[in-house]
Amino acid sequence: TGFDIQNGQVKGVHTTRGDIKAKKV
């Protein structure tokens, strides 16, 4: 449902089953 992006760097994703962090997507 969305991306967690901080200072131009992806940090994870928002999903229907909760937030998931990731170094790369």
PDB file of all heavy atoms in Angstrom:
ATOM      1  N   THR A   1       0.814  -1.216   0.000  1.00  0.00           N
ATOM      2  CA  THR A   1       0.000   0.000   0.000  1.00  0.00           C
ATOM      3  C   THR A   1       0.848   1.266   0.000  1.00  0.00           C
ATOM      4  O   THR A   1       0.304   2.366  -0.118  1.00  0.00           O
ATOM      5  CB  THR A   1      -0.936   0.015   1.226  1.00  0.00           C
ATOM      6  OG1 THR A   1      -0.151  -0.104   2.424  1.00  0.00           O
ATOM      7  CG2 THR A   1      -1.923  -1.155   1.160  1.00  0.00           C
ATOM      8  N   GLY A   2       2.159   1.124   0.156  1.00  0.00           N
ATOM      9  CA  GLY A   2       3.025   2.297   0.132  1.00  0.00           C
ATOM     10  C   GLY A   2       4.463   1.926   0.426  1.00  0.00           C
ATOM     11  O   GLY A   2       4.773   0.782   0.801  1.00  0.00           O
ATOM     12  N   PHE A   3       5.361   2.903   0.217  1.00  0.00           N
ATOM     13  CA  PHE A   3       6.787   2.703   0.475  1.00  0.00           C
ATOM     14  C   PHE A   3       7.227   3.580   1.645  1.00  0.00           C
ATOM     15  O   PHE A   3       6.729   4.697   1.823  1.00  0.00           O
ATOM     16  CB  PHE A   3       7.628   3.072  -0.757  1.00  0.00           C
ATOM     17  CG  PHE A   3       7.452   2.141  -1.919  1.00  0.00           C
ATOM     18  CD1 PHE A   3       6.553   2.438  -2.935  1.00  0.00           C
ATOM     19  CD2 PHE A   3       8.190   0.971  -2.009  1.00  0.00           C
ATOM     20  CE1 PHE A   3       6.391   1.585  -4.016  1.00  0.00           C
ATOM     21  CE2 PHE A   3       8.026   0.109  -3.090  1.00  0.00           C
ATOM     22  CZ  PHE A   3       7.123   0.413  -4.093  1.00  0.00           C
ATOM     23  N   ASP A   4       8.168   3.081   2.415  1.00  0.00           N
ATOM     24  CA  ASP A   4       8.825   3.866   3.459  1.00  0.00           C
ATOM     25  C   ASP A   4      10.130   4.394   2.865  1.00  0.00           C
ATOM     26  O   ASP A   4      11.105   3.652   2.725  1.00  0.00           O
ATOM     27  CB  ASP A   4       9.081   2.987   4.693  1.00  0.00           C
ATOM     28  CG  ASP A   4       9.784   3.755   5.808  1.00  0.00           C
ATOM     29  OD1 ASP A   4       9.919   4.992   5.686  1.00  0.00           O
ATOM     30  OD2 ASP A   4      10.224   3.119   6.792  1.00  0.00           O
ATOM     31  N   ILE A   5      10.121   5.667   2.484  1.00  0.00           N
ATOM     32  CA  ILE A   5      11.286   6.289   1.841  1.00  0.00           C
ATOM     33  C   ILE A   5      11.761   7.441   2.713  1.00  0.00           C
ATOM     34  O   ILE A   5      10.990   8.344   3.036  1.00  0.00           O
ATOM     35  CB  ILE A   5      10.936   6.789   0.422  1.00  0.00           C
ATOM     36  CG1 ILE A   5      10.498   5.605  -0.462  1.00  0.00           C
ATOM     37  CG2 ILE A   5      12.119   7.520  -0.206  1.00  0.00           C
ATOM     38  CD1 ILE A   5       9.985   6.004  -1.824  1.00  0.00           C
ATOM     39  N   GLN A   6      13.031   7.411   3.095  1.00  0.00           N
ATOM     40  CA  GLN A   6      13.619   8.446   3.946  1.00  0.00           C
ATOM     41  C   GLN A   6      14.896   8.970   3.303  1.00  0.00           C
ATOM     42  O   GLN A   6      15.810   8.194   2.990  1.00  0.00           O
ATOM     43  CB  GLN A   6      13.925   7.873   5.338  1.00  0.00           C
ATOM     44  CG  GLN A   6      12.710   7.323   6.079  1.00  0.00           C
ATOM     45  CD  GLN A   6      13.095   6.627   7.370  1.00  0.00           C
ATOM     46  OE1 GLN A   6      14.191   6.840   7.915  1.00  0.00           O
ATOM     47  NE2 GLN A   6      12.201   5.782   7.877  1.00  0.00           N
ATOM     48  N   ASN A   7      14.927  10.280   3.063  1.00  0.00           N
ATOM     49  CA  ASN A   7      16.105  10.933   2.468  1.00  0.00           C
ATOM     50  C   ASN A   7      16.507  10.283   1.144  1.00  0.00           C
ATOM     51  O   ASN A   7      17.692  10.080   0.858  1.00  0.00           O
ATOM     52  CB  ASN A   7      17.289  10.917   3.449  1.00  0.00           C
ATOM     53  CG  ASN A   7      16.975  11.632   4.751  1.00  0.00           C
ATOM     54  OD1 ASN A   7      16.341  12.686   4.740  1.00  0.00           O
ATOM     55  ND2 ASN A   7      17.400  11.056   5.867  1.00  0.00           N
ATOM     56  N   GLY A   8      15.508   9.951   0.319  1.00  0.00           N
ATOM     57  CA  GLY A   8      15.777   9.375  -0.988  1.00  0.00           C
ATOM     58  C   GLY A   8      16.212   7.929  -0.980  1.00  0.00           C
ATOM     59  O   GLY A   8      16.657   7.402  -2.008  1.00  0.00           O
ATOM     60  N   GLN A   9      16.079   7.256   0.163  1.00  0.00           N
ATOM     61  CA  GLN A   9      16.487   5.854   0.293  1.00  0.00           C
ATOM     62  C   GLN A   9      15.294   5.029   0.754  1.00  0.00           C
ATOM     63  O   GLN A   9      14.609   5.402   1.701  1.00  0.00           O
ATOM     64  CB  GLN A   9      17.619   5.740   1.320  1.00  0.00           C
ATOM     65  CG  GLN A   9      17.980   4.323   1.734  1.00  0.00           C
ATOM     66  CD  GLN A   9      18.860   3.618   0.732  1.00  0.00           C
ATOM     67  OE1 GLN A   9      19.736   4.237   0.141  1.00  0.00           O
ATOM     68  NE2 GLN A   9      18.647   2.335   0.536  1.00  0.00           N
ATOM     69  N   VAL A  10      15.034   3.912   0.083  1.00  0.00           N
ATOM     70  CA  VAL A  10      13.919   3.058   0.495  1.00  0.00           C
ATOM     71  C   VAL A  10      14.308   2.310   1.770  1.00  0.00           C
ATOM     72  O   VAL A  10      15.429   1.808   1.902  1.00  0.00           O
ATOM     73  CB  VAL A  10      13.514   2.085  -0.627  1.00  0.00           C
ATOM     74  CG1 VAL A  10      14.576   1.023  -0.874  1.00  0.00           C
ATOM     75  CG2 VAL A  10      12.171   1.431  -0.334  1.00  0.00           C
ATOM     76  N   LYS A  11      13.376   2.273   2.713  1.00  0.00           N
ATOM     77  CA  LYS A  11      13.618   1.601   3.993  1.00  0.00           C
ATOM     78  C   LYS A  11      12.691   0.412   4.219  1.00  0.00           C
ATOM     79  O   LYS A  11      12.887  -0.369   5.144  1.00  0.00           O
ATOM     80  CB  LYS A  11      13.437   2.598   5.148  1.00  0.00           C
ATOM     81  CG  LYS A  11      14.413   3.761   5.129  1.00  0.00           C
ATOM     82  CD  LYS A  11      15.845   3.301   5.350  1.00  0.00           C
ATOM     83  CE  LYS A  11      16.794   4.484   5.420  1.00  0.00           C
ATOM     84  NZ  LYS A  11      18.204   4.056   5.612  1.00  0.00           N
ATOM     85  N   GLY A  12      11.668   0.292   3.368  1.00  0.00           N
ATOM     86  CA  GLY A  12      10.716  -0.798   3.532  1.00  0.00           C
ATOM     87  C   GLY A  12       9.418  -0.495   2.818  1.00  0.00           C
ATOM     88  O   GLY A  12       9.331   0.462   2.020  1.00  0.00           O
ATOM     89  N   VAL A  13       8.401  -1.300   3.098  1.00  0.00           N
ATOM     90  CA  VAL A  13       7.096  -1.124   2.459  1.00  0.00           C
ATOM     91  C   VAL A  13       5.989  -1.246   3.503  1.00  0.00           C
ATOM     92  O   VAL A  13       6.164  -1.870   4.556  1.00  0.00           O
ATOM     93  CB  VAL A  13       6.863  -2.164   1.339  1.00  0.00           C
ATOM     94  CG1 VAL A  13       7.896  -2.019   0.232  1.00  0.00           C
ATOM     95  CG2 VAL A  13       6.873  -3.586   1.897  1.00  0.00           C
ATOM     96  N   HIS A  14       4.856  -0.615   3.186  1.00  0.00           N
ATOM     97  CA  HIS A  14       3.640  -0.778   3.977  1.00  0.00           C
ATOM     98  C   HIS A  14       2.746  -1.773   3.231  1.00  0.00           C
ATOM     99  O   HIS A  14       2.536  -1.643   2.015  1.00  0.00           O
ATOM    100  CB  HIS A  14       2.916   0.555   4.140  1.00  0.00           C
ATOM    101  CG  HIS A  14       3.796   1.670   4.633  1.00  0.00           C
ATOM    102  ND1 HIS A  14       4.452   1.635   5.841  1.00  0.00           N
ATOM    103  CD2 HIS A  14       4.136   2.863   4.058  1.00  0.00           C
ATOM    104  CE1 HIS A  14       5.151   2.748   6.005  1.00  0.00           C
ATOM    105  NE2 HIS A  14       4.981   3.510   4.934  1.00  0.00           N
ATOM    106  N   THR A  15       2.229  -2.758   3.928  1.00  0.00           N
ATOM    107  CA  THR A  15       1.389  -3.775   3.297  1.00  0.00           C
ATOM    108  C   THR A  15       0.120  -3.997   4.100  1.00  0.00           C
ATOM    109  O   THR A  15      -0.018  -3.497   5.229  1.00  0.00           O
ATOM    110  CB  THR A  15       2.132  -5.126   3.159  1.00  0.00           C
ATOM    111  OG1 THR A  15       2.146  -5.791   4.430  1.00  0.00           O
ATOM    112  CG2 THR A  15       3.563  -4.937   2.680  1.00  0.00           C
ATOM    113  N   THR A  16      -0.792  -4.760   3.521  1.00  0.00           N
ATOM    114  CA  THR A  16      -2.032  -5.102   4.219  1.00  0.00           C
ATOM    115  C   THR A  16      -1.784  -6.062   5.368  1.00  0.00           C
ATOM    116  O   THR A  16      -2.708  -6.336   6.149  1.00  0.00           O
ATOM    117  CB  THR A  16      -3.037  -5.721   3.232  1.00  0.00           C
ATOM    118  OG1 THR A  16      -2.405  -6.818   2.541  1.00  0.00           O
ATOM    119  CG2 THR A  16      -3.495  -4.691   2.207  1.00  0.00           C
ATOM    120  N   ARG A  17      -0.561  -6.590   5.474  1.00  0.00           N
ATOM    121  CA  ARG A  17      -0.208  -7.477   6.584  1.00  0.00           C
ATOM    122  C   ARG A  17       0.876  -6.857   7.466  1.00  0.00           C
ATOM    123  O   ARG A  17       1.619  -7.559   8.129  1.00  0.00           O
ATOM    124  CB  ARG A  17       0.242  -8.837   6.040  1.00  0.00           C
ATOM    125  CG  ARG A  17      -0.876  -9.593   5.321  1.00  0.00           C
ATOM    126  CD  ARG A  17      -0.434 -10.916   4.726  1.00  0.00           C
ATOM    127  NE  ARG A  17      -0.015 -11.880   5.730  1.00  0.00           N
ATOM    128  CZ  ARG A  17       0.335 -13.143   5.456  1.00  0.00           C
ATOM    129  NH1 ARG A  17       0.284 -13.577   4.187  1.00  0.00           N
ATOM    130  NH2 ARG A  17       0.711 -13.962   6.401  1.00  0.00           N
ATOM    131  N   GLY A  18       0.925  -5.529   7.464  1.00  0.00           N
ATOM    132  CA  GLY A  18       1.858  -4.823   8.319  1.00  0.00           C
ATOM    133  C   GLY A  18       3.052  -4.261   7.554  1.00  0.00           C
ATOM    134  O   GLY A  18       3.254  -4.536   6.375  1.00  0.00           O
ATOM    135  N   ASP A  19       3.844  -3.462   8.250  1.00  0.00           N
ATOM    136  CA  ASP A  19       5.038  -2.860   7.655  1.00  0.00           C
ATOM    137  C   ASP A  19       6.181  -3.876   7.637  1.00  0.00           C
ATOM    138  O   ASP A  19       6.363  -4.644   8.589  1.00  0.00           O
ATOM    139  CB  ASP A  19       5.475  -1.633   8.450  1.00  0.00           C
ATOM    140  CG  ASP A  19       4.459  -0.495   8.357  1.00  0.00           C
ATOM    141  OD1 ASP A  19       3.526  -0.613   7.532  1.00  0.00           O
ATOM    142  OD2 ASP A  19       4.592   0.484   9.110  1.00  0.00           O
ATOM    143  N   ILE A  20       6.942  -3.855   6.555  1.00  0.00           N
ATOM    144  CA  ILE A  20       8.099  -4.742   6.421  1.00  0.00           C
ATOM    145  C   ILE A  20       9.300  -3.885   6.023  1.00  0.00           C
ATOM    146  O   ILE A  20       9.250  -3.149   5.034  1.00  0.00           O
ATOM    147  CB  ILE A  20       7.860  -5.831   5.347  1.00  0.00           C
ATOM    148  CG1 ILE A  20       6.561  -6.599   5.627  1.00  0.00           C
ATOM    149  CG2 ILE A  20       9.039  -6.785   5.292  1.00  0.00           C
ATOM    150  CD1 ILE A  20       6.183  -7.576   4.526  1.00  0.00           C
ATOM    151  N   LYS A  21      10.362  -3.974   6.790  1.00  0.00           N
ATOM    152  CA  LYS A  21      11.580  -3.230   6.472  1.00  0.00           C
ATOM    153  C   LYS A  21      12.443  -4.027   5.497  1.00  0.00           C
ATOM    154  O   LYS A  21      12.420  -5.258   5.497  1.00  0.00           O
ATOM    155  CB  LYS A  21      12.370  -2.934   7.749  1.00  0.00           C
ATOM    156  CG  LYS A  21      11.669  -1.984   8.718  1.00  0.00           C
ATOM    157  CD  LYS A  21      12.529  -1.725   9.936  1.00  0.00           C
ATOM    158  CE  LYS A  21      11.836  -0.770  10.899  1.00  0.00           C
ATOM    159  NZ  LYS A  21      12.659  -0.506  12.110  1.00  0.00           N
ATOM    160  N   ALA A  22      13.201  -3.304   4.679  1.00  0.00           N
ATOM    161  CA  ALA A  22      14.097  -3.966   3.726  1.00  0.00           C
ATOM    162  C   ALA A  22      15.175  -2.999   3.293  1.00  0.00           C
ATOM    163  O   ALA A  22      14.944  -1.786   3.179  1.00  0.00           O
ATOM    164  CB  ALA A  22      13.324  -4.463   2.516  1.00  0.00           C
ATOM    165  N   LYS A  23      16.362  -3.542   3.042  1.00  0.00           N
ATOM    166  CA  LYS A  23      17.473  -2.723   2.550  1.00  0.00           C
ATOM    167  C   LYS A  23      17.297  -2.406   1.067  1.00  0.00           C
ATOM    168  O   LYS A  23      17.690  -1.335   0.599  1.00  0.00           O
ATOM    169  CB  LYS A  23      18.799  -3.449   2.779  1.00  0.00           C
ATOM    170  CG  LYS A  23      19.121  -3.741   4.249  1.00  0.00           C
ATOM    171  CD  LYS A  23      20.444  -4.480   4.378  1.00  0.00           C
ATOM    172  CE  LYS A  23      20.780  -4.782   5.842  1.00  0.00           C
ATOM    173  NZ  LYS A  23      19.858  -5.782   6.424  1.00  0.00           N
ATOM    174  N   LYS A  24      16.726  -3.361   0.336  1.00  0.00           N
ATOM    175  CA  LYS A  24      16.509  -3.172  -1.098  1.00  0.00           C
ATOM    176  C   LYS A  24      15.135  -3.730  -1.467  1.00  0.00           C
ATOM    177  O   LYS A  24      14.679  -4.714  -0.875  1.00  0.00           O
ATOM    178  CB  LYS A  24      17.588  -3.883  -1.922  1.00  0.00           C
ATOM    179  CG  LYS A  24      18.995  -3.326  -1.720  1.00  0.00           C
ATOM    180  CD  LYS A  24      20.010  -4.078  -2.579  1.00  0.00           C
ATOM    181  CE  LYS A  24      21.413  -3.484  -2.412  1.00  0.00           C
ATOM    182  NZ  LYS A  24      22.401  -4.195  -3.262  1.00  0.00           N
ATOM    183  N   VAL A  25      14.505  -3.105  -2.462  1.00  0.00           N
ATOM    184  CA  VAL A  25      13.177  -3.530  -2.909  1.00  0.00           C
ATOM    185  C   VAL A  25      13.174  -3.614  -4.431  1.00  0.00           C
ATOM    186  O   VAL A  25      13.519  -2.633  -5.115  1.00  0.00           O
ATOM    187  CB  VAL A  25      12.070  -2.563  -2.436  1.00  0.00           C
ATOM    188  CG1 VAL A  25      10.708  -3.022  -2.964  1.00  0.00           C
ATOM    189  CG2 VAL A  25      12.043  -2.466  -0.917  1.00  0.00           C
TER     190      VAL A  25
END
